[in-house]
């Protein structure tokens, strides 16, 4: 068997998968396209293993490893897609911009930790009443009022 047949089929599969990754918006279709690309690589590995007549069959062993990695990738990828679909109601890849950095045009800051003058840190009990010190702060600063009575 000639090497050109499986190699050309692998190139065709890889090109279809690459088109699917670049052109599709649905996350599940993108994952299917990635699987097509991985299967094209697996086809090349097995074809070259047979063509080179490797006694250790390293190409086939690497193909099994790639299949296991692809199965794990699909499991985790589908879990992420389902979680995004539950939260957003859509699995459109172009609309998933939660983790991207964007310029804050109003303040000119880039990821500075606060947005519109508000702190992103959660409010604590000490933030609400700044004029009173807790017992720990009084002991740390040396201003203990333990022996005094209010007048």
Protein backbone atom coordinates (compact mmCIF):
# COMPACT_ATOMS: atom_id res chain seq x y z
CA UNK A 1 0.00 0.00 0.00
CA UNK A 2 1.29 3.44 -0.88
CA UNK A 3 1.83 6.07 1.79
CA UNK A 4 0.11 8.71 -0.34
CA UNK A 5 -3.43 7.41 0.26
CA UNK A 6 -3.56 7.57 4.06
CA UNK A 7 -1.43 10.75 4.08
CA UNK A 8 -3.79 12.54 1.69
CA UNK A 9 -6.81 11.35 3.70
CA UNK A 10 -5.12 12.65 6.88
CA UNK A 11 -4.45 16.02 5.23
CA UNK A 12 -8.09 16.21 4.15
CA UNK A 13 -9.33 15.34 7.66
CA UNK A 14 -6.96 17.84 9.24
CA UNK A 15 -8.07 20.62 6.87
CA UNK A 16 -11.75 19.91 7.57
CA UNK A 17 -11.01 19.99 11.31
CA UNK A 18 -9.04 23.23 11.00
CA UNK A 19 -11.91 24.81 9.09
CA UNK A 20 -14.30 23.65 11.81
CA UNK A 21 -12.18 25.20 14.56
CA UNK A 22 -11.80 28.51 12.76
CA UNK A 23 -15.29 28.92 11.29
CA UNK A 24 -17.67 27.47 13.87
CA UNK A 25 -19.15 29.32 16.81
CA UNK A 26 -20.78 26.42 18.63
CA UNK A 27 -18.39 24.99 21.24
CA UNK A 28 -19.49 21.39 20.66
CA UNK A 29 -18.77 21.67 16.93
CA UNK A 30 -15.35 23.13 17.76
CA UNK A 31 -14.64 20.13 19.99
CA UNK A 32 -15.71 17.79 17.19
CA UNK A 33 -13.37 19.60 14.81
CA UNK A 34 -10.49 19.20 17.27
CA UNK A 35 -11.26 15.48 17.38
CA UNK A 36 -11.08 15.34 13.57
CA UNK A 37 -7.65 16.96 13.71
CA UNK A 38 -6.45 14.48 16.35
CA UNK A 39 -7.74 11.57 14.28
CA UNK A 40 -5.82 12.89 11.27
CA UNK A 41 -2.67 12.87 13.36
CA UNK A 42 -3.44 9.33 14.54
CA UNK A 43 -3.92 8.19 10.95
CA UNK A 44 -0.53 9.63 10.03
CA UNK A 45 1.14 7.95 13.01
CA UNK A 46 -0.22 4.53 12.11
CA UNK A 47 0.49 4.97 8.38
CA UNK A 48 4.10 5.93 8.95
CA UNK A 49 4.52 3.16 11.49
CA UNK A 50 3.39 0.60 8.90
CA UNK A 51 5.40 2.23 6.12
CA UNK A 52 8.64 2.28 8.13
CA UNK A 53 8.05 -1.31 9.39
CA UNK A 54 8.95 -0.37 12.94
CA UNK A 55 9.48 -3.46 15.10
CA UNK A 56 8.52 -1.64 18.30
CA UNK A 57 5.35 -0.17 16.74
CA UNK A 58 6.02 3.19 18.36
CA UNK A 59 3.53 4.97 16.10
CA UNK A 60 0.72 2.68 17.16
CA UNK A 61 1.63 3.04 20.83
CA UNK A 62 1.68 6.80 20.49
CA UNK A 63 -1.69 6.60 18.74
CA UNK A 64 -3.17 4.77 21.74
CA UNK A 65 -1.75 7.44 24.03
CA UNK A 66 -3.25 10.18 21.82
CA UNK A 67 -6.65 8.47 21.87
CA UNK A 68 -6.57 8.35 25.68
CA UNK A 69 -5.63 12.04 25.88
CA UNK A 70 -8.38 12.92 23.39
CA UNK A 71 -10.97 11.05 25.44
CA UNK A 72 -9.96 12.94 28.58
CA UNK A 73 -10.00 16.22 26.65
CA UNK A 74 -13.50 15.57 25.36
CA UNK A 75 -14.75 14.66 28.83
CA UNK A 76 -13.40 17.84 30.40
CA UNK A 77 -14.36 19.95 27.37
CA UNK A 78 -17.96 18.75 27.41
CA UNK A 79 -18.20 19.39 31.14
CA UNK A 80 -17.00 22.98 30.61
CA UNK A 81 -19.38 23.49 27.67
CA UNK A 82 -22.34 22.18 29.67
CA UNK A 83 -21.46 24.44 32.59
CA UNK A 84 -21.18 27.46 30.29
CA UNK A 85 -24.47 26.57 28.63
CA UNK A 86 -26.21 26.33 32.01
CA UNK A 87 -24.87 29.70 33.13
CA UNK A 88 -25.19 31.62 29.86
CA UNK A 89 -27.92 29.83 27.94
CA UNK A 90 -25.67 29.68 24.87
CA UNK A 91 -22.55 27.80 23.85
CA UNK A 92 -21.42 30.47 21.39
CA UNK A 93 -17.63 30.68 21.54
CA UNK A 94 -17.50 34.31 20.40
CA UNK A 95 -19.57 35.48 23.36
CA UNK A 96 -17.36 33.85 25.99
CA UNK A 97 -15.25 36.78 27.09
CA UNK A 98 -15.39 36.44 30.88
CA UNK A 99 -11.70 35.71 31.35
CA UNK A 100 -10.38 38.11 28.74
CA UNK A 101 -8.65 41.34 29.65
CA UNK A 102 -10.41 44.42 28.42
CA UNK A 103 -9.45 48.04 28.63
CA UNK A 104 -11.55 50.10 30.98
CA UNK A 105 -12.28 53.08 28.77
CA UNK A 106 -13.82 55.20 31.52
CA UNK A 107 -10.88 55.18 33.94
CA UNK A 108 -8.02 54.32 31.60
CA UNK A 109 -6.89 51.55 33.94
CA UNK A 110 -6.07 48.05 32.78
CA UNK A 111 -7.00 45.43 35.34
CA UNK A 112 -6.00 47.61 38.29
CA UNK A 113 -8.09 45.77 40.85
CA UNK A 114 -11.00 48.18 41.04
CA UNK A 115 -13.73 49.20 38.70
CA UNK A 116 -15.43 52.61 38.80
CA UNK A 117 -13.87 53.47 42.13
CA UNK A 118 -15.29 50.43 43.91
CA UNK A 119 -13.06 47.87 45.50
CA UNK A 120 -13.44 44.29 44.33
CA UNK A 121 -12.53 42.99 47.80
CA UNK A 122 -15.45 41.76 49.90
CA UNK A 123 -16.60 44.04 52.68
CA UNK A 124 -15.76 42.97 56.22
CA UNK A 125 -17.11 43.98 59.60
CA UNK A 126 -14.06 46.17 60.23
CA UNK A 127 -14.80 48.20 57.10
CA UNK A 128 -18.24 49.21 58.37
CA UNK A 129 -17.13 50.85 61.61
CA UNK A 130 -13.68 52.36 61.10
CA UNK A 131 -13.77 54.61 64.21
CA UNK A 132 -13.90 51.73 66.71
CA UNK A 133 -10.97 49.42 67.28
CA UNK A 134 -11.31 45.78 68.14
CA UNK A 135 -9.57 44.32 71.15
CA UNK A 136 -6.87 42.83 68.96
CA UNK A 137 -6.07 46.20 67.41
CA UNK A 138 -5.98 47.89 70.81
CA UNK A 139 -3.56 45.32 72.18
CA UNK A 140 -1.38 45.58 69.09
CA UNK A 141 -1.20 49.39 69.20
CA UNK A 142 -0.78 49.58 72.95
CA UNK A 143 -3.89 51.67 73.67
CA UNK A 144 -5.71 49.43 76.09
CA UNK A 145 -8.73 50.86 77.86
CA UNK A 146 -9.16 47.89 80.18
CA UNK A 147 -8.77 49.85 83.46
CA UNK A 148 -10.86 52.87 82.48
CA UNK A 149 -14.55 53.39 82.97
CA UNK A 150 -16.63 55.54 80.71
CA UNK A 151 -17.33 58.97 82.18
